[in-house]
N, C-alpha and C. Protein backbone atom coordinates (compact mmCIF):
# COMPACT_ATOMS: atom_id res chain seq x y z
N MET A 1 11.99 70.13 60.71
CA MET A 1 10.89 69.74 59.88
C MET A 1 10.78 70.61 58.64
N CYS A 2 11.07 71.90 58.75
CA CYS A 2 10.94 72.81 57.63
C CYS A 2 11.90 72.47 56.51
N ALA A 3 13.05 71.92 56.84
CA ALA A 3 14.03 71.56 55.82
C ALA A 3 13.54 70.41 54.96
N VAL A 4 12.59 69.64 55.43
CA VAL A 4 12.07 68.51 54.69
C VAL A 4 11.08 68.95 53.61
N ALA A 5 10.43 70.09 53.80
CA ALA A 5 9.38 70.54 52.88
C ALA A 5 9.83 70.61 51.42
N PRO A 6 10.98 71.24 51.09
CA PRO A 6 11.38 71.28 49.67
C PRO A 6 11.56 69.89 49.06
N ALA A 7 12.09 68.97 49.83
CA ALA A 7 12.27 67.61 49.32
C ALA A 7 10.93 66.94 49.05
N LEU A 8 9.97 67.16 49.94
CA LEU A 8 8.65 66.57 49.74
C LEU A 8 7.94 67.17 48.54
N ILE A 9 8.06 68.48 48.37
CA ILE A 9 7.44 69.13 47.22
C ILE A 9 8.05 68.59 45.93
N GLY A 10 9.36 68.43 45.91
CA GLY A 10 10.02 67.87 44.74
C GLY A 10 9.58 66.44 44.47
N MET A 11 9.43 65.66 45.53
CA MET A 11 9.02 64.27 45.37
C MET A 11 7.60 64.20 44.81
N LEU A 12 6.71 65.05 45.30
CA LEU A 12 5.34 65.05 44.79
C LEU A 12 5.29 65.49 43.33
N ALA A 13 6.06 66.51 43.00
CA ALA A 13 6.05 67.04 41.64
C ALA A 13 6.63 66.05 40.64
N SER A 14 7.59 65.24 41.06
CA SER A 14 8.23 64.32 40.14
C SER A 14 7.64 62.92 40.16
N ALA A 15 6.64 62.68 41.00
CA ALA A 15 6.04 61.35 41.07
C ALA A 15 5.38 61.02 39.73
N PRO A 16 5.58 59.79 39.25
CA PRO A 16 4.95 59.42 37.99
C PRO A 16 3.43 59.42 38.12
N ALA A 17 2.76 59.65 37.01
CA ALA A 17 1.30 59.74 37.03
C ALA A 17 0.65 58.50 37.61
N GLN A 18 1.21 57.32 37.36
CA GLN A 18 0.62 56.10 37.89
C GLN A 18 0.65 56.06 39.40
N GLY A 19 1.54 56.80 40.03
CA GLY A 19 1.61 56.83 41.48
C GLY A 19 0.57 57.74 42.10
N ARG A 20 -0.02 58.57 41.28
CA ARG A 20 -1.06 59.46 41.78
C ARG A 20 -2.39 58.73 41.70
N LEU A 21 -3.33 59.20 42.44
CA LEU A 21 -4.64 58.58 42.45
C LEU A 21 -5.43 59.08 41.25
N ASP A 22 -5.66 58.20 40.27
CA ASP A 22 -6.30 58.61 39.04
C ASP A 22 -7.78 58.24 38.96
N ASP A 23 -8.27 57.39 39.83
CA ASP A 23 -9.67 56.99 39.82
C ASP A 23 -10.50 58.15 40.34
N THR A 24 -11.24 58.81 39.44
CA THR A 24 -11.99 60.00 39.84
C THR A 24 -13.14 59.69 40.77
N SER A 25 -13.59 58.43 40.85
CA SER A 25 -14.73 58.11 41.70
C SER A 25 -14.42 58.31 43.18
N ASP A 26 -13.19 58.06 43.58
CA ASP A 26 -12.88 58.23 45.00
C ASP A 26 -11.46 58.69 45.25
N LYS A 27 -10.87 59.38 44.29
CA LYS A 27 -9.46 59.75 44.44
C LYS A 27 -9.22 60.69 45.60
N ARG A 28 -10.21 61.45 46.02
CA ARG A 28 -10.04 62.37 47.14
C ARG A 28 -10.61 61.80 48.44
N SER A 29 -11.01 60.54 48.45
CA SER A 29 -11.63 59.96 49.63
C SER A 29 -10.64 59.14 50.44
N GLY A 30 -11.09 58.72 51.60
CA GLY A 30 -10.29 57.83 52.42
C GLY A 30 -9.96 56.54 51.69
N HIS A 31 -10.90 56.06 50.86
CA HIS A 31 -10.63 54.85 50.06
C HIS A 31 -9.39 55.05 49.20
N GLY A 32 -9.30 56.19 48.54
CA GLY A 32 -8.17 56.46 47.66
C GLY A 32 -6.86 56.53 48.42
N LEU A 33 -6.87 57.16 49.58
CA LEU A 33 -5.64 57.26 50.36
C LEU A 33 -5.25 55.91 50.93
N VAL A 34 -6.21 55.11 51.34
CA VAL A 34 -5.91 53.75 51.81
C VAL A 34 -5.23 52.97 50.70
N ARG A 35 -5.76 53.05 49.47
CA ARG A 35 -5.13 52.34 48.35
C ARG A 35 -3.69 52.79 48.13
N ALA A 36 -3.46 54.09 48.20
CA ALA A 36 -2.10 54.60 47.99
C ALA A 36 -1.17 54.13 49.10
N CYS A 37 -1.64 54.14 50.32
CA CYS A 37 -0.78 53.76 51.45
C CYS A 37 -0.52 52.25 51.50
N GLU A 38 -1.45 51.47 50.97
CA GLU A 38 -1.27 50.02 50.96
C GLU A 38 -0.54 49.53 49.71
N ALA A 39 -0.33 50.39 48.76
CA ALA A 39 0.27 50.00 47.48
C ALA A 39 1.67 49.43 47.68
N GLU A 40 1.95 48.41 46.91
CA GLU A 40 3.29 47.83 46.95
C GLU A 40 4.22 48.54 45.98
N GLN A 41 3.65 49.35 45.10
CA GLN A 41 4.45 50.10 44.14
C GLN A 41 5.09 51.27 44.87
N ALA A 42 6.35 51.47 44.68
CA ALA A 42 7.08 52.51 45.40
C ALA A 42 6.50 53.91 45.17
N ALA A 43 6.09 54.23 43.95
CA ALA A 43 5.60 55.58 43.67
C ALA A 43 4.35 55.90 44.47
N ALA A 44 3.40 54.97 44.52
CA ALA A 44 2.17 55.22 45.26
C ALA A 44 2.44 55.30 46.76
N ALA A 45 3.29 54.43 47.27
CA ALA A 45 3.62 54.45 48.69
C ALA A 45 4.35 55.75 49.05
N SER A 46 5.23 56.22 48.17
CA SER A 46 5.93 57.48 48.40
C SER A 46 4.95 58.64 48.39
N TRP A 47 3.97 58.57 47.50
CA TRP A 47 2.94 59.61 47.43
C TRP A 47 2.19 59.66 48.76
N CYS A 48 1.81 58.51 49.29
CA CYS A 48 1.11 58.43 50.57
C CYS A 48 1.94 59.05 51.68
N ALA A 49 3.19 58.65 51.79
CA ALA A 49 4.06 59.15 52.86
C ALA A 49 4.25 60.66 52.75
N ALA A 50 4.48 61.16 51.55
CA ALA A 50 4.68 62.60 51.37
C ALA A 50 3.41 63.38 51.67
N TYR A 51 2.27 62.85 51.25
CA TYR A 51 0.99 63.51 51.51
C TYR A 51 0.75 63.60 53.02
N LEU A 52 0.93 62.49 53.73
CA LEU A 52 0.71 62.48 55.18
C LEU A 52 1.73 63.34 55.91
N MET A 53 2.96 63.39 55.43
CA MET A 53 3.98 64.22 56.06
C MET A 53 3.62 65.70 55.93
N GLY A 54 3.10 66.08 54.78
CA GLY A 54 2.67 67.47 54.60
C GLY A 54 1.56 67.84 55.57
N ILE A 55 0.61 66.94 55.74
CA ILE A 55 -0.49 67.19 56.68
C ILE A 55 0.05 67.24 58.11
N ALA A 56 0.89 66.27 58.46
CA ALA A 56 1.45 66.22 59.82
C ALA A 56 2.27 67.46 60.14
N ASP A 57 3.11 67.88 59.21
CA ASP A 57 3.93 69.08 59.44
C ASP A 57 3.06 70.32 59.60
N THR A 58 2.02 70.44 58.78
CA THR A 58 1.12 71.59 58.86
C THR A 58 0.38 71.59 60.19
N LEU A 59 -0.19 70.45 60.57
CA LEU A 59 -0.93 70.38 61.83
C LEU A 59 -0.01 70.56 63.04
N THR A 60 1.24 70.11 62.94
CA THR A 60 2.20 70.33 64.02
C THR A 60 2.47 71.81 64.19
N ALA A 61 2.61 72.53 63.09
CA ALA A 61 2.82 73.98 63.17
C ALA A 61 1.64 74.66 63.86
N PHE A 62 0.43 74.24 63.52
CA PHE A 62 -0.75 74.80 64.19
C PHE A 62 -0.73 74.48 65.68
N GLY A 63 -0.40 73.24 66.01
CA GLY A 63 -0.34 72.85 67.42
C GLY A 63 0.69 73.63 68.20
N GLU A 64 1.87 73.82 67.59
CA GLU A 64 2.93 74.59 68.26
C GLU A 64 2.54 76.05 68.40
N GLY A 65 1.61 76.51 67.56
CA GLY A 65 1.12 77.88 67.64
C GLY A 65 -0.04 78.03 68.61
N GLY A 66 -0.41 76.95 69.27
CA GLY A 66 -1.47 77.00 70.26
C GLY A 66 -2.86 76.66 69.77
N HIS A 67 -3.00 76.24 68.52
CA HIS A 67 -4.32 75.90 67.98
C HIS A 67 -4.69 74.48 68.40
N LYS A 68 -5.87 74.32 68.98
CA LYS A 68 -6.31 73.01 69.47
C LYS A 68 -6.56 72.01 68.35
N GLY A 69 -6.72 72.48 67.13
CA GLY A 69 -6.94 71.60 66.00
C GLY A 69 -5.65 71.05 65.41
N GLY A 70 -4.52 71.42 65.98
CA GLY A 70 -3.24 70.95 65.47
C GLY A 70 -2.79 69.66 66.15
N LEU A 71 -1.52 69.33 65.96
CA LEU A 71 -0.91 68.18 66.62
C LEU A 71 -0.01 68.70 67.73
N CYS A 72 -0.05 68.05 68.87
CA CYS A 72 0.79 68.45 70.00
C CYS A 72 1.63 67.27 70.46
N GLY A 73 2.88 67.54 70.76
CA GLY A 73 3.79 66.49 71.20
C GLY A 73 4.04 65.45 70.13
N ALA A 74 3.88 65.85 68.88
CA ALA A 74 4.02 64.91 67.77
C ALA A 74 5.49 64.54 67.55
N ALA A 75 5.75 63.26 67.58
CA ALA A 75 7.08 62.72 67.27
C ALA A 75 6.85 61.63 66.24
N TYR A 76 7.16 61.92 64.98
CA TYR A 76 6.88 60.97 63.92
C TYR A 76 8.01 60.95 62.91
N GLN A 77 8.07 59.86 62.20
CA GLN A 77 8.98 59.70 61.06
C GLN A 77 8.10 59.49 59.84
N ILE A 78 8.54 59.95 58.71
CA ILE A 78 7.73 59.85 57.50
C ILE A 78 7.31 58.41 57.21
N GLU A 79 8.17 57.46 57.49
CA GLU A 79 7.86 56.06 57.18
C GLU A 79 6.79 55.47 58.10
N ASP A 80 6.48 56.12 59.21
CA ASP A 80 5.48 55.61 60.15
C ASP A 80 4.09 56.19 59.94
N LEU A 81 3.97 57.26 59.19
CA LEU A 81 2.68 57.95 59.06
C LEU A 81 1.64 57.13 58.31
N GLY A 82 2.05 56.38 57.30
CA GLY A 82 1.11 55.55 56.56
C GLY A 82 0.44 54.53 57.46
N GLU A 83 1.21 53.87 58.30
CA GLU A 83 0.64 52.88 59.21
C GLU A 83 -0.23 53.53 60.26
N THR A 84 0.13 54.73 60.71
CA THR A 84 -0.72 55.46 61.66
C THR A 84 -2.09 55.70 61.03
N PHE A 85 -2.10 56.17 59.78
CA PHE A 85 -3.36 56.42 59.08
C PHE A 85 -4.14 55.13 58.86
N LEU A 86 -3.47 54.09 58.35
CA LEU A 86 -4.16 52.83 58.05
C LEU A 86 -4.75 52.19 59.30
N THR A 87 -4.01 52.21 60.40
CA THR A 87 -4.51 51.65 61.66
C THR A 87 -5.76 52.39 62.10
N TRP A 88 -5.73 53.71 62.02
CA TRP A 88 -6.90 54.51 62.41
C TRP A 88 -8.09 54.21 61.50
N MET A 89 -7.84 54.14 60.19
CA MET A 89 -8.93 53.92 59.24
C MET A 89 -9.55 52.53 59.42
N ARG A 90 -8.74 51.54 59.78
CA ARG A 90 -9.29 50.20 60.05
C ARG A 90 -10.23 50.23 61.25
N LYS A 91 -9.94 51.08 62.21
CA LYS A 91 -10.79 51.22 63.40
C LYS A 91 -12.02 52.08 63.13
N HIS A 92 -11.97 52.89 62.09
CA HIS A 92 -13.04 53.85 61.79
C HIS A 92 -13.45 53.78 60.31
N PRO A 93 -13.89 52.62 59.83
CA PRO A 93 -14.22 52.49 58.41
C PRO A 93 -15.38 53.38 57.96
N GLN A 94 -16.14 53.89 58.90
CA GLN A 94 -17.25 54.78 58.54
C GLN A 94 -16.74 56.07 57.90
N PHE A 95 -15.44 56.35 58.01
CA PHE A 95 -14.88 57.56 57.44
C PHE A 95 -14.21 57.34 56.08
N LEU A 96 -14.33 56.15 55.51
CA LEU A 96 -13.69 55.87 54.23
C LEU A 96 -14.20 56.76 53.10
N ASP A 97 -15.43 57.21 53.17
CA ASP A 97 -15.98 58.07 52.12
C ASP A 97 -15.71 59.55 52.37
N LEU A 98 -15.14 59.87 53.50
CA LEU A 98 -14.78 61.24 53.84
C LEU A 98 -13.60 61.69 52.98
N ASP A 99 -13.49 62.97 52.72
CA ASP A 99 -12.34 63.50 51.98
C ASP A 99 -11.04 63.03 52.64
N MET A 100 -10.06 62.67 51.84
CA MET A 100 -8.82 62.11 52.39
C MET A 100 -8.10 63.07 53.34
N LEU A 101 -8.14 64.36 53.08
CA LEU A 101 -7.51 65.31 53.98
C LEU A 101 -8.18 65.29 55.34
N ALA A 102 -9.50 65.26 55.35
CA ALA A 102 -10.23 65.23 56.62
C ALA A 102 -9.94 63.94 57.38
N GLY A 103 -9.95 62.80 56.69
CA GLY A 103 -9.68 61.52 57.34
C GLY A 103 -8.27 61.45 57.90
N ALA A 104 -7.30 61.89 57.11
CA ALA A 104 -5.91 61.87 57.57
C ALA A 104 -5.73 62.81 58.76
N SER A 105 -6.37 63.97 58.71
CA SER A 105 -6.27 64.92 59.83
C SER A 105 -6.86 64.32 61.10
N LEU A 106 -8.01 63.67 60.99
CA LEU A 106 -8.62 63.04 62.16
C LEU A 106 -7.70 61.96 62.73
N ALA A 107 -7.11 61.15 61.85
CA ALA A 107 -6.22 60.09 62.31
C ALA A 107 -5.02 60.65 63.06
N LEU A 108 -4.40 61.66 62.50
CA LEU A 108 -3.21 62.24 63.12
C LEU A 108 -3.56 62.98 64.41
N ARG A 109 -4.69 63.67 64.41
CA ARG A 109 -5.10 64.41 65.61
C ARG A 109 -5.48 63.47 66.75
N GLU A 110 -5.98 62.28 66.42
CA GLU A 110 -6.27 61.31 67.48
C GLU A 110 -4.96 60.77 68.06
N ARG A 111 -3.96 60.59 67.21
CA ARG A 111 -2.66 60.06 67.66
C ARG A 111 -1.89 61.08 68.50
N TRP A 112 -1.93 62.38 68.10
CA TRP A 112 -1.20 63.44 68.80
C TRP A 112 -2.13 64.61 69.09
N PRO A 113 -3.10 64.43 69.97
CA PRO A 113 -4.08 65.49 70.22
C PRO A 113 -3.50 66.66 71.01
N CYS A 114 -4.08 67.82 70.79
CA CYS A 114 -3.81 68.99 71.63
C CYS A 114 -4.95 69.04 72.63
N ARG A 115 -4.63 69.06 73.88
CA ARG A 115 -5.68 69.04 74.92
C ARG A 115 -5.86 70.40 75.51
């Protein structure tokens, strides 16, 4: 997983501005991340996948370190993380106004909880 980090950082840094969330009204909310993950444009979808992979990798490291707030037993591919998030958000629309990092973390932690 650590070998993927430089590639993801490069992908985020080189993503065109249109692929980033530019709407200041909700760019940091669950609404904004849902839009990016549902986008048919490659840049926005790549942004979503890279963003979620960064969160998943970080939470997995916490879980492997024994932190209950991390991910445990996580087996994921970058291309599956967007659907994991979207499925969770459809079940929990009350969290759409929550910060996107918090919403994504909740979605991933529900999928791969540390007990």
